Amino acid sequence: MKHLSAIDKLIFFCNSIIAIVLLFSYLLPYVQPKHFAFLSVLSLGVPLLIILNVLFFVYWLLKIKRQIVVSLLVLAIGYKHVGSLYKISPSKHEPIDVNNSLSVMNYNVRLFNLYNWIESNEVQNNIVDFIKEVNPDIISFQEYHPHKAIDLSFYNYKYEVLEGNKVKYGQAVFSKYPIVSSGSIKFPHTANNAIYTDIVKHKDTIRIYNVHLQSLRIQPDLEQFEMENSNALIEHVSEAFEIQQSQTELFIKHKNSSPYKTVVCGDFNNTPYSYVYNKIKGDLCDAFLEAGNGFGRTFDFKYFPTRIDFILTDASYPVNSFKTYSKKLSDHYPIVANIGLHK
């Protein structure tokens, strides 16, 4: 330290604090929000903590200083967290056997721009054109609204659960393959929900879950943080995390009784560093971690990449491919996974 300039000492002090906070955040997936809701809020900032530690690592690397060890060690300890932020998957050159695979899209469509959040009259048509282009076998929608301009009749089967008086909205699953049973896991005192459909392709019956956990109601920029009292905002988010835990417990109880192998899609309104993600994922495979590339950002937050939408697959189903599409037609980005089925 005595060979460092005053500026470098200050930088190293900040580096140490941020490294310690990141190290502490590795425990968050195991901390129940009902017991430590305030601490769970930290999970939202883990992507920023990782990026800052990478920048500190590069800074000390360029200066050839031993202070590089602090961030290097913390990032190495949390290599799984780093992989959840940015993924590089090897290219698969073998063609996908479409007869023995299933392509699944998850998409929070924000009511198909019903209230013109995006200043365009073409959003509804653009979403339909995009879906036709990608042509997934299954679509799992959150914040779905049966908009008169949305024609998805080229899917033969659908299941939707809607609420609201003047404006109907909720969740839906569209499928090219028969839906032999379906149902809803009602979350109390909220419009959020989880639904399921049992879909048959050839001899396989697959349960598709569509999970939409309690919203944090945080805007995709930082204006809300500047306008609201920070303590009130943290209290609001903490309460939402507690609700998410209760919803997750209801979902897991239902999922554990499923007679079929499952694929879980949804908008969890939380990150891969959270308790609810860790509990829902369980022994499932995160399709992004299996075959994704890049940051995998699914929510339009301006300041760092945020992944809150997921496709989780049964461990026996190989993930052939995964892609996040940078279509600015909602405040979420659509994700698509192709999973292999049993031959």
Protein backbone atom coordinates (compact mmCIF):
# COMPACT_ATOMS: atom_id res chain seq x y z
CA MET A 1 0.00 0.00 0.00
CA LYS A 2 2.82 2.43 0.75
CA HIS A 3 3.87 2.34 -2.91
CA LEU A 4 0.42 3.40 -4.09
CA SER A 5 -0.49 6.98 -4.92
CA ALA A 6 -3.24 8.70 -2.94
CA ILE A 7 -5.69 8.15 -5.80
CA ASP A 8 -4.79 4.46 -6.06
CA LYS A 9 -5.26 4.06 -2.30
CA LEU A 10 -8.74 5.54 -2.60
CA ILE A 11 -9.51 3.27 -5.57
CA PHE A 12 -8.28 0.23 -3.67
CA PHE A 13 -10.42 1.17 -0.67
CA CYS A 14 -13.51 1.34 -2.90
CA ASN A 15 -12.42 -1.88 -4.61
CA SER A 16 -12.20 -3.67 -1.25
CA ILE A 17 -15.64 -2.51 -0.11
CA ILE A 18 -17.32 -3.55 -3.36
CA ALA A 19 -15.48 -6.89 -3.36
CA ILE A 20 -16.66 -7.61 0.20
CA VAL A 21 -20.27 -6.73 -0.69
CA LEU A 22 -20.14 -9.02 -3.75
CA LEU A 23 -18.68 -11.82 -1.64
CA PHE A 24 -21.51 -11.37 0.87
CA SER A 25 -24.11 -11.42 -1.94
CA TYR A 26 -23.16 -15.01 -2.80
CA LEU A 27 -25.18 -16.05 0.27
CA LEU A 28 -28.38 -14.34 -0.87
CA PRO A 29 -29.86 -17.31 -2.81
CA TYR A 30 -30.02 -19.13 0.55
CA VAL A 31 -31.48 -16.26 2.61
CA GLN A 32 -35.27 -16.26 2.96
CA PRO A 33 -36.74 -12.80 2.25
CA LYS A 34 -39.34 -13.35 4.99
CA HIS A 35 -36.52 -13.36 7.53
CA PHE A 36 -34.10 -10.87 5.93
CA ALA A 37 -36.09 -8.96 3.31
CA PHE A 38 -33.80 -5.94 3.49
CA LEU A 39 -30.74 -8.04 2.62
CA SER A 40 -32.55 -9.67 -0.30
CA VAL A 41 -32.80 -6.28 -2.02
CA LEU A 42 -29.06 -6.55 -2.62
CA SER A 43 -29.66 -9.33 -5.15
CA LEU A 44 -30.89 -6.72 -7.65
CA GLY A 45 -27.48 -5.04 -7.64
CA VAL A 46 -25.31 -8.15 -8.09
CA PRO A 47 -24.81 -7.58 -11.86
CA LEU A 48 -23.44 -4.11 -11.12
CA LEU A 49 -21.16 -5.47 -8.37
CA ILE A 50 -19.74 -8.08 -10.76
CA ILE A 51 -19.12 -5.49 -13.50
CA LEU A 52 -17.40 -3.13 -11.05
CA ASN A 53 -15.13 -5.90 -9.80
CA VAL A 54 -14.21 -6.81 -13.38
CA LEU A 55 -13.32 -3.16 -14.01
CA PHE A 56 -11.18 -3.06 -10.86
CA PHE A 57 -9.47 -6.27 -11.99
CA VAL A 58 -8.65 -4.73 -15.38
CA TYR A 59 -7.43 -1.52 -13.73
CA TRP A 60 -4.93 -3.30 -11.48
CA LEU A 61 -3.93 -5.65 -14.31
CA LEU A 62 -2.97 -2.70 -16.51
CA LYS A 63 -1.02 -1.16 -13.64
CA ILE A 64 0.59 -4.54 -12.81
CA LYS A 65 -0.26 -4.20 -9.12
CA ARG A 66 -0.79 -7.02 -6.65
CA GLN A 67 -4.06 -5.39 -5.55
CA ILE A 68 -5.50 -7.31 -8.51
CA VAL A 69 -5.79 -10.31 -6.18
CA VAL A 70 -8.80 -8.93 -4.28
CA SER A 71 -11.27 -8.80 -7.19
CA LEU A 72 -9.70 -11.82 -8.88
CA LEU A 73 -10.25 -13.95 -5.79
CA VAL A 74 -13.83 -12.77 -5.22
CA LEU A 75 -14.76 -13.31 -8.89
CA ALA A 76 -13.17 -16.77 -8.84
CA ILE A 77 -15.11 -17.76 -5.73
CA GLY A 78 -18.34 -16.65 -7.39
CA TYR A 79 -17.61 -17.98 -10.88
CA LYS A 80 -21.16 -19.37 -11.11
CA HIS A 81 -22.56 -15.88 -10.46
CA VAL A 82 -20.30 -14.42 -13.13
CA GLY A 83 -21.52 -17.11 -15.55
CA SER A 84 -25.11 -16.11 -14.79
CA LEU A 85 -24.29 -12.58 -15.93
CA TYR A 86 -22.29 -13.33 -19.07
CA LYS A 87 -22.15 -16.64 -20.90
CA ILE A 88 -20.11 -17.97 -23.79
CA SER A 89 -21.45 -21.25 -25.17
CA PRO A 90 -19.74 -23.30 -27.86
CA SER A 91 -21.41 -23.38 -31.24
CA LYS A 92 -23.28 -26.56 -32.07
CA HIS A 93 -22.81 -27.49 -35.69
CA GLU A 94 -25.11 -30.50 -35.71
CA PRO A 95 -28.58 -29.70 -37.10
CA ILE A 96 -31.45 -29.79 -34.62
CA ASP A 97 -33.81 -32.74 -35.05
CA VAL A 98 -37.13 -30.87 -35.12
CA ASN A 99 -39.08 -34.13 -34.80
CA ASN A 100 -37.50 -34.81 -31.42
CA SER A 101 -37.24 -31.32 -30.02
CA LEU A 102 -39.47 -28.52 -28.80
CA SER A 103 -38.92 -24.78 -29.25
CA VAL A 104 -40.26 -22.64 -26.41
CA MET A 105 -40.60 -18.86 -26.28
CA ASN A 106 -41.15 -16.82 -23.13
CA TYR A 107 -42.30 -13.23 -23.56
CA ASN A 108 -43.72 -10.56 -21.25
CA VAL A 109 -45.51 -8.44 -23.87
CA ARG A 110 -46.73 -5.63 -21.56
CA LEU A 111 -50.34 -5.84 -22.81
CA PHE A 112 -49.13 -5.59 -26.41
CA ASN A 113 -48.47 -1.87 -25.86
CA LEU A 114 -52.13 -1.22 -25.07
CA TYR A 115 -51.39 2.15 -23.44
CA ASN A 116 -48.80 3.27 -26.04
CA TRP A 117 -45.75 3.12 -23.80
CA ILE A 118 -43.87 2.80 -27.09
CA GLU A 119 -44.91 5.57 -29.46
CA SER A 120 -45.84 3.40 -32.39
CA ASN A 121 -49.05 2.03 -33.84
CA GLU A 122 -47.22 -0.96 -35.29
CA VAL A 123 -46.13 -2.73 -32.09
CA GLN A 124 -48.97 -5.27 -32.19
CA ASN A 125 -48.31 -6.15 -35.84
CA ASN A 126 -44.57 -6.24 -35.23
CA ILE A 127 -44.99 -8.73 -32.38
CA VAL A 128 -47.14 -11.02 -34.53
CA ASP A 129 -44.65 -10.77 -37.43
CA PHE A 130 -41.79 -11.55 -35.04
CA ILE A 131 -43.59 -14.63 -33.68
CA LYS A 132 -44.30 -15.85 -37.22
CA GLU A 133 -40.63 -15.39 -38.10
CA VAL A 134 -39.27 -17.29 -35.08
CA ASN A 135 -42.12 -19.81 -35.24
CA PRO A 136 -41.78 -21.42 -31.79
CA ASP A 137 -43.77 -24.53 -30.92
CA ILE A 138 -44.84 -23.08 -27.56
CA ILE A 139 -45.28 -19.47 -26.41
CA SER A 140 -45.54 -18.52 -22.74
CA PHE A 141 -46.92 -14.98 -22.35
CA GLN A 142 -46.98 -12.75 -19.27
CA GLU A 143 -48.97 -9.51 -19.15
CA TYR A 144 -51.01 -10.97 -21.99
CA HIS A 145 -54.05 -9.08 -23.29
CA PRO A 146 -56.42 -10.46 -25.95
CA HIS A 147 -55.83 -7.43 -28.16
CA LYS A 148 -58.11 -7.26 -31.19
CA ALA A 149 -55.09 -6.57 -33.42
CA ILE A 150 -53.27 -9.69 -32.25
CA ASP A 151 -54.10 -12.67 -34.44
CA LEU A 152 -52.38 -15.84 -33.24
CA SER A 153 -54.89 -18.18 -34.82
CA PHE A 154 -52.05 -20.04 -36.53
CA TYR A 155 -51.61 -21.75 -33.14
CA ASN A 156 -54.25 -24.46 -32.81
CA TYR A 157 -54.25 -24.65 -29.03
CA LYS A 158 -54.17 -22.11 -26.23
CA TYR A 159 -54.88 -21.71 -22.53
CA GLU A 160 -55.30 -18.31 -20.92
CA VAL A 161 -56.18 -17.05 -17.45
CA LEU A 162 -57.33 -13.43 -17.43
CA GLU A 163 -58.46 -10.93 -14.82
CA GLY A 164 -59.77 -7.37 -14.84
CA ASN A 165 -63.06 -5.69 -15.59
CA LYS A 166 -62.54 -3.09 -18.31
CA VAL A 167 -59.20 -4.50 -19.46
CA LYS A 168 -58.62 -8.24 -19.42
CA TYR A 169 -55.04 -9.33 -18.84
CA GLY A 170 -53.05 -12.20 -17.40
CA GLN A 171 -51.09 -15.17 -18.70
CA ALA A 172 -51.43 -17.44 -21.68
CA VAL A 173 -49.79 -20.42 -23.35
CA PHE A 174 -50.11 -20.98 -27.10
CA SER A 175 -49.15 -24.34 -28.60
CA LYS A 176 -48.85 -26.11 -31.91
CA TYR A 177 -49.42 -29.39 -30.09
CA PRO A 178 -52.49 -30.61 -28.19
CA ILE A 179 -53.05 -29.34 -24.66
CA VAL A 180 -54.54 -32.32 -22.83
CA SER A 181 -54.96 -30.61 -19.46
CA SER A 182 -54.35 -27.21 -17.89
CA GLY A 183 -54.87 -25.26 -14.72
CA SER A 184 -54.01 -22.27 -12.58
CA ILE A 185 -52.12 -21.89 -9.29
CA LYS A 186 -53.83 -18.84 -7.87
CA PHE A 187 -51.61 -16.45 -5.94
CA PRO A 188 -53.70 -14.68 -3.26
CA HIS A 189 -54.28 -10.91 -3.19
CA THR A 190 -52.57 -10.19 -6.51
CA ALA A 191 -53.09 -10.32 -10.26
CA ASN A 192 -49.88 -12.35 -10.60
CA ASN A 193 -50.27 -16.05 -11.12
CA ALA A 194 -48.82 -19.33 -12.31
CA ILE A 195 -50.53 -21.49 -14.90
CA TYR A 196 -49.68 -24.84 -16.44
CA THR A 197 -50.46 -26.81 -19.59
CA ASP A 198 -49.77 -30.47 -20.31
CA ILE A 199 -48.70 -30.70 -23.94
CA VAL A 200 -48.34 -33.88 -25.99
CA LYS A 201 -45.80 -34.25 -28.76
CA HIS A 202 -45.50 -37.78 -30.13
CA LYS A 203 -45.28 -39.98 -27.03
CA ASP A 204 -44.04 -37.22 -24.73
CA THR A 205 -46.32 -35.37 -22.32
CA ILE A 206 -44.57 -32.25 -21.06
CA ARG A 207 -45.87 -29.90 -18.39
CA ILE A 208 -45.22 -26.25 -19.29
CA TYR A 209 -45.42 -23.85 -16.37
CA ASN A 210 -45.87 -20.12 -16.90
CA VAL A 211 -44.88 -18.27 -13.71
CA HIS A 212 -45.31 -14.55 -13.11
CA LEU A 213 -44.12 -13.54 -9.65
CA GLN A 214 -45.00 -10.35 -7.80
CA SER A 215 -43.82 -7.23 -9.61
CA LEU A 216 -41.35 -4.86 -7.92
CA ARG A 217 -42.90 -1.97 -9.88
CA ILE A 218 -39.52 -0.38 -10.50
CA GLN A 219 -39.24 1.73 -13.63
CA PRO A 220 -36.57 0.76 -16.20
CA ASP A 221 -34.53 3.91 -15.42
CA LEU A 222 -33.30 5.51 -12.22
CA GLU A 223 -35.81 8.38 -12.04
CA GLN A 224 -37.86 6.51 -9.47
CA PHE A 225 -34.83 6.21 -7.20
CA GLU A 226 -34.31 9.96 -7.43
CA MET A 227 -37.96 10.88 -6.86
CA GLU A 228 -38.91 8.51 -4.04
CA ASN A 229 -37.61 8.32 -0.53
CA SER A 230 -34.96 5.61 -0.67
CA ASN A 231 -36.10 4.01 2.60
CA ALA A 232 -39.69 3.83 1.34
CA LEU A 233 -38.51 2.29 -1.94
CA ILE A 234 -36.41 -0.34 -0.17
CA GLU A 235 -39.35 -1.15 2.12
CA HIS A 236 -41.63 -1.52 -0.90
CA VAL A 237 -39.19 -3.84 -2.70
CA SER A 238 -38.59 -5.85 0.49
CA GLU A 239 -42.33 -6.43 0.84
CA ALA A 240 -42.53 -7.58 -2.78
CA PHE A 241 -39.72 -10.07 -2.15
CA GLU A 242 -41.60 -11.53 0.82
CA ILE A 243 -44.68 -11.96 -1.38
CA GLN A 244 -42.54 -13.61 -4.06
CA GLN A 245 -41.32 -16.14 -1.51
CA SER A 246 -44.91 -17.07 -0.56
CA GLN A 247 -45.82 -17.39 -4.25
CA THR A 248 -42.75 -19.53 -4.87
CA GLU A 249 -43.71 -21.88 -2.04
CA LEU A 250 -47.18 -22.35 -3.56
CA PHE A 251 -45.67 -23.00 -6.97
CA ILE A 252 -43.07 -25.51 -5.76
CA LYS A 253 -45.73 -27.46 -3.85
CA HIS A 254 -47.74 -27.79 -7.07
CA LYS A 255 -44.70 -28.58 -9.23
CA ASN A 256 -43.55 -31.35 -6.87
CA SER A 257 -46.86 -33.15 -7.45
CA SER A 258 -46.56 -33.04 -11.24
CA PRO A 259 -46.69 -36.48 -12.90
CA TYR A 260 -44.73 -35.19 -15.89
CA LYS A 261 -41.35 -33.76 -16.63
CA THR A 262 -41.52 -30.00 -16.65
CA VAL A 263 -40.35 -26.86 -18.39
CA VAL A 264 -40.73 -23.71 -16.30
CA CYS A 265 -41.06 -20.41 -18.14
CA GLY A 266 -41.75 -17.03 -16.69
CA ASP A 267 -41.06 -13.54 -15.51
CA PHE A 268 -39.77 -13.98 -11.96
CA ASN A 269 -39.31 -10.25 -11.38
CA ASN A 270 -36.03 -11.20 -9.74
CA THR A 271 -32.49 -12.08 -10.73
CA PRO A 272 -30.52 -15.35 -10.90
CA TYR A 273 -28.88 -14.27 -7.61
CA SER A 274 -32.13 -14.38 -5.64
CA TYR A 275 -33.73 -16.82 -3.24
CA VAL A 276 -36.83 -17.35 -5.39
CA TYR A 277 -34.81 -18.17 -8.51
CA ASN A 278 -32.68 -20.63 -6.55
CA LYS A 279 -35.76 -22.39 -5.13
CA ILE A 280 -37.67 -22.55 -8.43
CA LYS A 281 -34.65 -23.72 -10.37
CA GLY A 282 -33.89 -26.53 -7.93
CA ASP A 283 -32.51 -29.40 -10.03
CA LEU A 284 -33.77 -27.90 -13.31
CA CYS A 285 -31.40 -26.51 -15.93
CA ASP A 286 -31.32 -22.82 -16.82
CA ALA A 287 -31.47 -22.77 -20.63
CA PHE A 288 -29.38 -19.57 -20.77
CA LEU A 289 -26.59 -21.17 -18.73
CA GLU A 290 -26.74 -24.29 -20.90
CA ALA A 291 -26.63 -22.69 -24.35
CA GLY A 292 -26.85 -18.89 -24.09
CA ASN A 293 -24.36 -16.24 -25.16
CA GLY A 294 -23.64 -12.72 -24.00
CA PHE A 295 -25.36 -10.96 -21.12
CA GLY A 296 -28.77 -12.51 -21.74
CA ARG A 297 -30.51 -9.29 -20.73
CA THR A 298 -34.29 -9.74 -20.66
CA PHE A 299 -35.46 -6.48 -19.06
CA ASP A 300 -34.92 -2.99 -20.45
CA PHE A 301 -33.04 -1.51 -17.50
CA LYS A 302 -30.77 1.25 -18.78
CA TYR A 303 -27.73 1.01 -16.56
CA PHE A 304 -26.69 -2.64 -16.39
CA PRO A 305 -27.92 -5.93 -17.92
CA THR A 306 -30.81 -7.45 -15.97
CA ARG A 307 -32.04 -11.02 -16.50
CA ILE A 308 -35.40 -11.68 -14.83
CA ASP A 309 -37.12 -13.89 -17.45
CA PHE A 310 -36.25 -17.57 -17.60
CA ILE A 311 -36.75 -20.90 -19.30
CA LEU A 312 -35.82 -23.78 -16.98
CA THR A 313 -35.85 -27.34 -18.28
CA ASP A 314 -35.90 -30.85 -16.86
CA ALA A 315 -32.33 -32.08 -16.48
CA SER A 316 -33.00 -35.01 -18.85
CA TYR A 317 -33.85 -32.62 -21.71
CA PRO A 318 -30.72 -31.33 -23.46
CA VAL A 319 -30.84 -27.64 -24.42
CA ASN A 320 -29.96 -27.48 -28.11
CA SER A 321 -29.99 -23.69 -28.36
CA PHE A 322 -30.98 -20.53 -26.52
CA LYS A 323 -31.39 -16.98 -27.78
CA THR A 324 -32.40 -13.60 -26.41
CA TYR A 325 -33.90 -11.36 -29.08
CA SER A 326 -33.20 -7.61 -28.90
CA LYS A 327 -36.71 -6.69 -30.06
CA LYS A 328 -37.80 -3.38 -28.45
CA LEU A 329 -41.52 -4.15 -28.50
CA SER A 330 -42.04 -4.30 -24.73
CA ASP A 331 -40.06 -3.51 -21.59
CA HIS A 332 -38.98 -7.17 -21.72
CA TYR A 333 -37.08 -9.03 -24.43
CA PRO A 334 -38.29 -12.40 -25.76
CA ILE A 335 -36.23 -15.51 -25.11
CA VAL A 336 -36.38 -18.81 -27.01
CA ALA A 337 -34.96 -22.21 -26.11
CA ASN A 338 -34.90 -25.37 -28.19
CA ILE A 339 -34.90 -28.48 -26.03
CA GLY A 340 -34.35 -32.09 -27.06
CA LEU A 341 -36.98 -34.71 -26.28
CA HIS A 342 -36.63 -38.45 -25.90
CA LYS A 343 -36.32 -40.44 -29.11
